Amino acid sequence: MTKFAAVPLPLPTSPFKARVAAPRKHFAVGDRVTHDTYGLGRAIGVEGDSHIAVLVDFGSRQERITPPCTGMFKL
């Protein structure tokens, strides 16, 4: 027998807030960014129309950052 994971629906009278999905971050080539691990950098490439990955130059190294970009913020 297969068990399916059911997503509990919040009741309108519930004191607990329903989970809200975080908005997707969009980066463009040339954007200045900061990363929690790598520091300051500049976006030098964006893969795919739906931002599959962002290639960032951090000076001493280049990193490919994939979504969700939780540690990276646009300056």
PDB file of N, CA and C in Angstrom:
ATOM      1  N   MET A   1       0.827  -1.163   0.000  1.00  0.00           N
ATOM      2  CA  MET A   1       0.000   0.000   0.000  1.00  0.00           C
ATOM      3  C   MET A   1       0.881   1.238   0.000  1.00  0.00           C
ATOM      4  N   THR A   2       0.508   2.231  -0.781  1.00  0.00           N
ATOM      5  CA  THR A   2       1.281   3.463  -0.878  1.00  0.00           C
ATOM      6  C   THR A   2       0.638   4.541  -0.033  1.00  0.00           C
ATOM      7  N   LYS A   3       1.455   5.214   0.767  1.00  0.00           N
ATOM      8  CA  LYS A   3       0.952   6.330   1.572  1.00  0.00           C
ATOM      9  C   LYS A   3       1.348   7.625   0.887  1.00  0.00           C
ATOM     10  N   PHE A   4       0.421   8.509   0.747  1.00  0.00           N
ATOM     11  CA  PHE A   4       0.674   9.798   0.145  1.00  0.00           C
ATOM     12  C   PHE A   4       0.805  10.849   1.244  1.00  0.00           C
ATOM     13  N   ALA A   5       1.781  11.712   1.081  1.00  0.00           N
ATOM     14  CA  ALA A   5       1.978  12.783   2.058  1.00  0.00           C
ATOM     15  C   ALA A   5       0.937  13.861   1.803  1.00  0.00           C
ATOM     16  N   ALA A   6       0.109  14.095   2.759  1.00  0.00           N
ATOM     17  CA  ALA A   6      -0.922  15.114   2.624  1.00  0.00           C
ATOM     18  C   ALA A   6      -0.432  16.418   3.236  1.00  0.00           C
ATOM     19  N   VAL A   7      -0.695  17.503   2.552  1.00  0.00           N
ATOM     20  CA  VAL A   7      -0.332  18.814   3.069  1.00  0.00           C
ATOM     21  C   VAL A   7      -1.513  19.322   3.885  1.00  0.00           C
ATOM     22  N   PRO A   8      -1.287  19.574   5.169  1.00  0.00           N
ATOM     23  CA  PRO A   8      -2.404  20.051   5.986  1.00  0.00           C
ATOM     24  C   PRO A   8      -2.808  21.462   5.579  1.00  0.00           C
ATOM     25  N   LEU A   9      -4.092  21.656   5.407  1.00  0.00           N
ATOM     26  CA  LEU A   9      -4.606  22.975   5.057  1.00  0.00           C
ATOM     27  C   LEU A   9      -4.889  23.754   6.337  1.00  0.00           C
ATOM     28  N   PRO A  10      -4.456  25.006   6.397  1.00  0.00           N
ATOM     29  CA  PRO A  10      -4.716  25.783   7.608  1.00  0.00           C
ATOM     30  C   PRO A  10      -6.192  26.160   7.701  1.00  0.00           C
ATOM     31  N   LEU A  11      -6.706  26.102   8.890  1.00  0.00           N
ATOM     32  CA  LEU A  11      -8.084  26.510   9.118  1.00  0.00           C
ATOM     33  C   LEU A  11      -8.148  28.026   9.242  1.00  0.00           C
ATOM     34  N   PRO A  12      -9.204  28.654   8.766  1.00  0.00           N
ATOM     35  CA  PRO A  12      -9.293  30.112   8.850  1.00  0.00           C
ATOM     36  C   PRO A  12      -9.281  30.630  10.287  1.00  0.00           C
ATOM     37  N   THR A  13      -9.701  29.805  11.229  1.00  0.00           N
ATOM     38  CA  THR A  13      -9.740  30.240  12.627  1.00  0.00           C
ATOM     39  C   THR A  13      -8.506  29.824  13.412  1.00  0.00           C
ATOM     40  N   SER A  14      -7.536  29.220  12.745  1.00  0.00           N
ATOM     41  CA  SER A  14      -6.342  28.729  13.416  1.00  0.00           C
ATOM     42  C   SER A  14      -5.459  29.896  13.873  1.00  0.00           C
ATOM     43  N   PRO A  15      -4.873  29.802  15.075  1.00  0.00           N
ATOM     44  CA  PRO A  15      -3.974  30.862  15.540  1.00  0.00           C
ATOM     45  C   PRO A  15      -2.591  30.778  14.897  1.00  0.00           C
ATOM     46  N   PHE A  16      -2.318  29.699  14.165  1.00  0.00           N
ATOM     47  CA  PHE A  16      -1.023  29.521  13.528  1.00  0.00           C
ATOM     48  C   PHE A  16      -1.075  30.040  12.096  1.00  0.00           C
ATOM     49  N   LYS A  17      -0.024  30.704  11.679  1.00  0.00           N
ATOM     50  CA  LYS A  17       0.028  31.256  10.328  1.00  0.00           C
ATOM     51  C   LYS A  17       0.361  30.168   9.320  1.00  0.00           C
ATOM     52  N   ALA A  18      -0.230  30.256   8.143  1.00  0.00           N
ATOM     53  CA  ALA A  18       0.083  29.335   7.067  1.00  0.00           C
ATOM     54  C   ALA A  18       1.461  29.681   6.507  1.00  0.00           C
ATOM     55  N   ARG A  19       2.181  28.676   6.031  1.00  0.00           N
ATOM     56  CA  ARG A  19       3.498  28.916   5.465  1.00  0.00           C
ATOM     57  C   ARG A  19       3.380  29.701   4.173  1.00  0.00           C
ATOM     58  N   VAL A  20       4.251  30.685   4.042  1.00  0.00           N
ATOM     59  CA  VAL A  20       4.268  31.507   2.836  1.00  0.00           C
ATOM     60  C   VAL A  20       5.582  31.237   2.124  1.00  0.00           C
ATOM     61  N   ALA A  21       5.496  30.933   0.835  1.00  0.00           N
ATOM     62  CA  ALA A  21       6.702  30.666   0.060  1.00  0.00           C
ATOM     63  C   ALA A  21       7.488  31.961  -0.124  1.00  0.00           C
ATOM     64  N   ALA A  22       8.802  31.866   0.049  1.00  0.00           N
ATOM     65  CA  ALA A  22       9.653  33.043  -0.126  1.00  0.00           C
ATOM     66  C   ALA A  22       9.711  33.418  -1.605  1.00  0.00           C
ATOM     67  N   PRO A  23       9.720  34.711  -1.910  1.00  0.00           N
ATOM     68  CA  PRO A  23       9.799  35.111  -3.313  1.00  0.00           C
ATOM     69  C   PRO A  23      11.145  34.722  -3.904  1.00  0.00           C
ATOM     70  N   ARG A  24      11.137  34.365  -5.183  1.00  0.00           N
ATOM     71  CA  ARG A  24      12.369  33.972  -5.849  1.00  0.00           C
ATOM     72  C   ARG A  24      13.231  35.191  -6.099  1.00  0.00           C
ATOM     73  N   LYS A  25      14.526  35.023  -5.931  1.00  0.00           N
ATOM     74  CA  LYS A  25      15.463  36.108  -6.161  1.00  0.00           C
ATOM     75  C   LYS A  25      15.867  36.097  -7.629  1.00  0.00           C
ATOM     76  N   HIS A  26      15.921  37.284  -8.231  1.00  0.00           N
ATOM     77  CA  HIS A  26      16.315  37.412  -9.626  1.00  0.00           C
ATOM     78  C   HIS A  26      17.581  38.235  -9.703  1.00  0.00           C
ATOM     79  N   PHE A  27      18.577  37.686 -10.397  1.00  0.00           N
ATOM     80  CA  PHE A  27      19.842  38.368 -10.574  1.00  0.00           C
ATOM     81  C   PHE A  27      20.096  38.558 -12.065  1.00  0.00           C
ATOM     82  N   ALA A  28      20.764  39.646 -12.409  1.00  0.00           N
ATOM     83  CA  ALA A  28      21.117  39.938 -13.794  1.00  0.00           C
ATOM     84  C   ALA A  28      22.633  40.088 -13.883  1.00  0.00           C
ATOM     85  N   VAL A  29      23.151  39.956 -15.093  1.00  0.00           N
ATOM     86  CA  VAL A  29      24.583  40.119 -15.310  1.00  0.00           C
ATOM     87  C   VAL A  29      24.973  41.539 -14.926  1.00  0.00           C
ATOM     88  N   GLY A  30      26.009  41.669 -14.138  1.00  0.00           N
ATOM     89  CA  GLY A  30      26.486  42.972 -13.688  1.00  0.00           C
ATOM     90  C   GLY A  30      26.017  43.367 -12.303  1.00  0.00           C
ATOM     91  N   ASP A  31      25.090  42.620 -11.727  1.00  0.00           N
ATOM     92  CA  ASP A  31      24.602  42.941 -10.377  1.00  0.00           C
ATOM     93  C   ASP A  31      25.712  42.738  -9.350  1.00  0.00           C
ATOM     94  N   ARG A  32      25.840  43.679  -8.419  1.00  0.00           N
ATOM     95  CA  ARG A  32      26.749  43.519  -7.291  1.00  0.00           C
ATOM     96  C   ARG A  32      26.005  42.712  -6.240  1.00  0.00           C
ATOM     97  N   VAL A  33      26.667  41.700  -5.687  1.00  0.00           N
ATOM     98  CA  VAL A  33      26.030  40.817  -4.716  1.00  0.00           C
ATOM     99  C   VAL A  33      26.955  40.615  -3.523  1.00  0.00           C
ATOM    100  N   THR A  34      26.362  40.162  -2.429  1.00  0.00           N
ATOM    101  CA  THR A  34      27.125  39.732  -1.275  1.00  0.00           C
ATOM    102  C   THR A  34      26.647  38.337  -0.904  1.00  0.00           C
ATOM    103  N   HIS A  35      27.604  37.505  -0.495  1.00  0.00           N
ATOM    104  CA  HIS A  35      27.296  36.126  -0.128  1.00  0.00           C
ATOM    105  C   HIS A  35      27.814  35.883   1.277  1.00  0.00           C
ATOM    106  N   ASP A  36      27.053  35.139   2.063  1.00  0.00           N
ATOM    107  CA  ASP A  36      27.424  34.879   3.454  1.00  0.00           C
ATOM    108  C   ASP A  36      28.761  34.158   3.579  1.00  0.00           C
ATOM    109  N   THR A  37      29.101  33.318   2.620  1.00  0.00           N
ATOM    110  CA  THR A  37      30.341  32.548   2.684  1.00  0.00           C
ATOM    111  C   THR A  37      31.477  33.187   1.895  1.00  0.00           C
ATOM    112  N   TYR A  38      31.188  33.684   0.672  1.00  0.00           N
ATOM    113  CA  TYR A  38      32.230  34.138  -0.247  1.00  0.00           C
ATOM    114  C   TYR A  38      32.494  35.636  -0.208  1.00  0.00           C
ATOM    115  N   GLY A  39      31.595  36.420   0.333  1.00  0.00           N
ATOM    116  CA  GLY A  39      31.785  37.866   0.431  1.00  0.00           C
ATOM    117  C   GLY A  39      31.195  38.628  -0.749  1.00  0.00           C
ATOM    118  N   LEU A  40      31.859  39.743  -1.124  1.00  0.00           N
ATOM    119  CA  LEU A  40      31.369  40.606  -2.191  1.00  0.00           C
ATOM    120  C   LEU A  40      31.731  40.045  -3.555  1.00  0.00           C
ATOM    121  N   GLY A  41      30.840  40.241  -4.523  1.00  0.00           N
ATOM    122  CA  GLY A  41      31.100  39.755  -5.868  1.00  0.00           C
ATOM    123  C   GLY A  41      30.207  40.433  -6.878  1.00  0.00           C
ATOM    124  N   ARG A  42      30.399  40.037  -8.149  1.00  0.00           N
ATOM    125  CA  ARG A  42      29.605  40.577  -9.253  1.00  0.00           C
ATOM    126  C   ARG A  42      29.113  39.411 -10.106  1.00  0.00           C
ATOM    127  N   ALA A  43      27.813  39.430 -10.445  1.00  0.00           N
ATOM    128  CA  ALA A  43      27.237  38.384 -11.284  1.00  0.00           C
ATOM    129  C   ALA A  43      27.795  38.534 -12.700  1.00  0.00           C
ATOM    130  N   ILE A  44      28.393  37.463 -13.209  1.00  0.00           N
ATOM    131  CA  ILE A  44      28.970  37.517 -14.552  1.00  0.00           C
ATOM    132  C   ILE A  44      28.221  36.617 -15.525  1.00  0.00           C
ATOM    133  N   GLY A  45      27.245  35.861 -15.036  1.00  0.00           N
ATOM    134  CA  GLY A  45      26.459  35.008 -15.911  1.00  0.00           C
ATOM    135  C   GLY A  45      25.221  34.489 -15.212  1.00  0.00           C
ATOM    136  N   VAL A  46      24.149  34.342 -15.991  1.00  0.00           N
ATOM    137  CA  VAL A  46      22.893  33.781 -15.484  1.00  0.00           C
ATOM    138  C   VAL A  46      22.502  32.663 -16.433  1.00  0.00           C
ATOM    139  N   GLU A  47      22.303  31.467 -15.906  1.00  0.00           N
ATOM    140  CA  GLU A  47      21.957  30.311 -16.721  1.00  0.00           C
ATOM    141  C   GLU A  47      20.447  30.122 -16.758  1.00  0.00           C
ATOM    142  N   GLY A  48      19.888  30.066 -17.943  1.00  0.00           N
ATOM    143  CA  GLY A  48      18.472  29.784 -18.113  1.00  0.00           C
ATOM    144  C   GLY A  48      17.586  31.000 -17.887  1.00  0.00           C
ATOM    145  N   ASP A  49      16.394  30.946 -18.476  1.00  0.00           N
ATOM    146  CA  ASP A  49      15.429  32.042 -18.331  1.00  0.00           C
ATOM    147  C   ASP A  49      14.844  32.100 -16.932  1.00  0.00           C
ATOM    148  N   SER A  50      14.721  30.946 -16.287  1.00  0.00           N
ATOM    149  CA  SER A  50      14.137  30.913 -14.949  1.00  0.00           C
ATOM    150  C   SER A  50      15.215  30.899 -13.868  1.00  0.00           C
ATOM    151  N   HIS A  51      16.403  31.411 -14.183  1.00  0.00           N
ATOM    152  CA  HIS A  51      17.518  31.530 -13.232  1.00  0.00           C
ATOM    153  C   HIS A  51      17.862  30.184 -12.603  1.00  0.00           C
ATOM    154  N   ILE A  52      18.346  29.278 -13.442  1.00  0.00           N
ATOM    155  CA  ILE A  52      18.752  27.959 -12.965  1.00  0.00           C
ATOM    156  C   ILE A  52      19.980  28.086 -12.073  1.00  0.00           C
ATOM    157  N   ALA A  53      20.899  28.985 -12.440  1.00  0.00           N
ATOM    158  CA  ALA A  53      22.099  29.210 -11.630  1.00  0.00           C
ATOM    159  C   ALA A  53      22.671  30.576 -11.977  1.00  0.00           C
ATOM    160  N   VAL A  54      23.457  31.122 -11.055  1.00  0.00           N
ATOM    161  CA  VAL A  54      24.109  32.412 -11.252  1.00  0.00           C
ATOM    162  C   VAL A  54      25.607  32.196 -11.088  1.00  0.00           C
ATOM    163  N   LEU A  55      26.387  32.642 -12.064  1.00  0.00           N
ATOM    164  CA  LEU A  55      27.832  32.561 -11.985  1.00  0.00           C
ATOM    165  C   LEU A  55      28.336  33.889 -11.438  1.00  0.00           C
ATOM    166  N   VAL A  56      29.070  33.835 -10.319  1.00  0.00           N
ATOM    167  CA  VAL A  56      29.483  35.051  -9.621  1.00  0.00           C
ATOM    168  C   VAL A  56      30.999  35.072  -9.500  1.00  0.00           C
ATOM    169  N   ASP A  57      31.600  36.233  -9.794  1.00  0.00           N
ATOM    170  CA  ASP A  57      33.034  36.446  -9.633  1.00  0.00           C
ATOM    171  C   ASP A  57      33.249  37.123  -8.289  1.00  0.00           C
ATOM    172  N   PHE A  58      33.941  36.427  -7.369  1.00  0.00           N
ATOM    173  CA  PHE A  58      34.208  36.964  -6.047  1.00  0.00           C
ATOM    174  C   PHE A  58      35.632  37.495  -5.923  1.00  0.00           C
ATOM    175  N   GLY A  59      36.295  37.740  -7.046  1.00  0.00           N
ATOM    176  CA  GLY A  59      37.652  38.260  -7.022  1.00  0.00           C
ATOM    177  C   GLY A  59      38.670  37.145  -7.059  1.00  0.00           C
ATOM    178  N   SER A  60      38.810  36.393  -5.990  1.00  0.00           N
ATOM    179  CA  SER A  60      39.791  35.320  -5.928  1.00  0.00           C
ATOM    180  C   SER A  60      39.250  34.011  -6.508  1.00  0.00           C
ATOM    181  N   ARG A  61      37.947  33.919  -6.700  1.00  0.00           N
ATOM    182  CA  ARG A  61      37.346  32.701  -7.231  1.00  0.00           C
ATOM    183  C   ARG A  61      36.019  33.004  -7.895  1.00  0.00           C
ATOM    184  N   GLN A  62      35.588  32.096  -8.760  1.00  0.00           N
ATOM    185  CA  GLN A  62      34.276  32.182  -9.384  1.00  0.00           C
ATOM    186  C   GLN A  62      33.458  31.003  -8.895  1.00  0.00           C
ATOM    187  N   GLU A  63      32.214  31.277  -8.530  1.00  0.00           N
ATOM    188  CA  GLU A  63      31.329  30.233  -8.010  1.00  0.00           C
ATOM    189  C   GLU A  63      30.022  30.223  -8.780  1.00  0.00           C
ATOM    190  N   ARG A  64      29.477  29.025  -8.959  1.00  0.00           N
ATOM    191  CA  ARG A  64      28.157  28.845  -9.560  1.00  0.00           C
ATOM    192  C   ARG A  64      27.185  28.633  -8.410  1.00  0.00           C
ATOM    193  N   ILE A  65      26.287  29.581  -8.211  1.00  0.00           N
ATOM    194  CA  ILE A  65      25.325  29.553  -7.109  1.00  0.00           C
ATOM    195  C   ILE A  65      23.979  29.105  -7.677  1.00  0.00           C
ATOM    196  N   THR A  66      23.424  28.037  -7.090  1.00  0.00           N
ATOM    197  CA  THR A  66      22.140  27.519  -7.554  1.00  0.00           C
ATOM    198  C   THR A  66      21.034  27.901  -6.573  1.00  0.00           C
ATOM    199  N   PRO A  67      19.809  28.051  -7.062  1.00  0.00           N
ATOM    200  CA  PRO A  67      18.698  28.390  -6.169  1.00  0.00           C
ATOM    201  C   PRO A  67      18.427  27.288  -5.183  1.00  0.00           C
ATOM    202  N   PRO A  68      17.915  27.556  -4.026  1.00  0.00           N
ATOM    203  CA  PRO A  68      17.603  28.897  -3.557  1.00  0.00           C
ATOM    204  C   PRO A  68      18.865  29.600  -3.090  1.00  0.00           C
ATOM    205  N   CYS A  69      19.018  30.810  -3.488  1.00  0.00           N
ATOM    206  CA  CYS A  69      20.208  31.606  -3.152  1.00  0.00           C
ATOM    207  C   CYS A  69      19.996  32.237  -1.768  1.00  0.00           C
ATOM    208  N   THR A  70      19.880  31.405  -0.757  1.00  0.00           N
ATOM    209  CA  THR A  70      19.538  31.909   0.578  1.00  0.00           C
ATOM    210  C   THR A  70      20.626  32.773   1.172  1.00  0.00           C
ATOM    211  N   GLY A  71      21.873  32.515   0.844  1.00  0.00           N
ATOM    212  CA  GLY A  71      22.962  33.285   1.440  1.00  0.00           C
ATOM    213  C   GLY A  71      23.436  34.428   0.575  1.00  0.00           C
ATOM    214  N   MET A  72      22.792  34.678  -0.571  1.00  0.00           N
ATOM    215  CA  MET A  72      23.241  35.710  -1.496  1.00  0.00           C
ATOM    216  C   MET A  72      22.186  36.801  -1.629  1.00  0.00           C
ATOM    217  N   PHE A  73      22.656  38.045  -1.568  1.00  0.00           N
ATOM    218  CA  PHE A  73      21.748  39.191  -1.631  1.00  0.00           C
ATOM    219  C   PHE A  73      22.276  40.209  -2.627  1.00  0.00           C
ATOM    220  N   LYS A  74      21.366  40.858  -3.328  1.00  0.00           N
ATOM    221  CA  LYS A  74      21.729  41.920  -4.273  1.00  0.00           C
ATOM    222  C   LYS A  74      21.997  43.200  -3.504  1.00  0.00           C
ATOM    223  N   LEU A  75      23.057  43.912  -3.887  1.00  0.00           N
ATOM    224  CA  LEU A  75      23.379  45.192  -3.229  1.00  0.00           C
ATOM    225  C   LEU A  75      22.756  46.345  -3.983  1.00  0.00           C
TER     226      LEU A  75
END
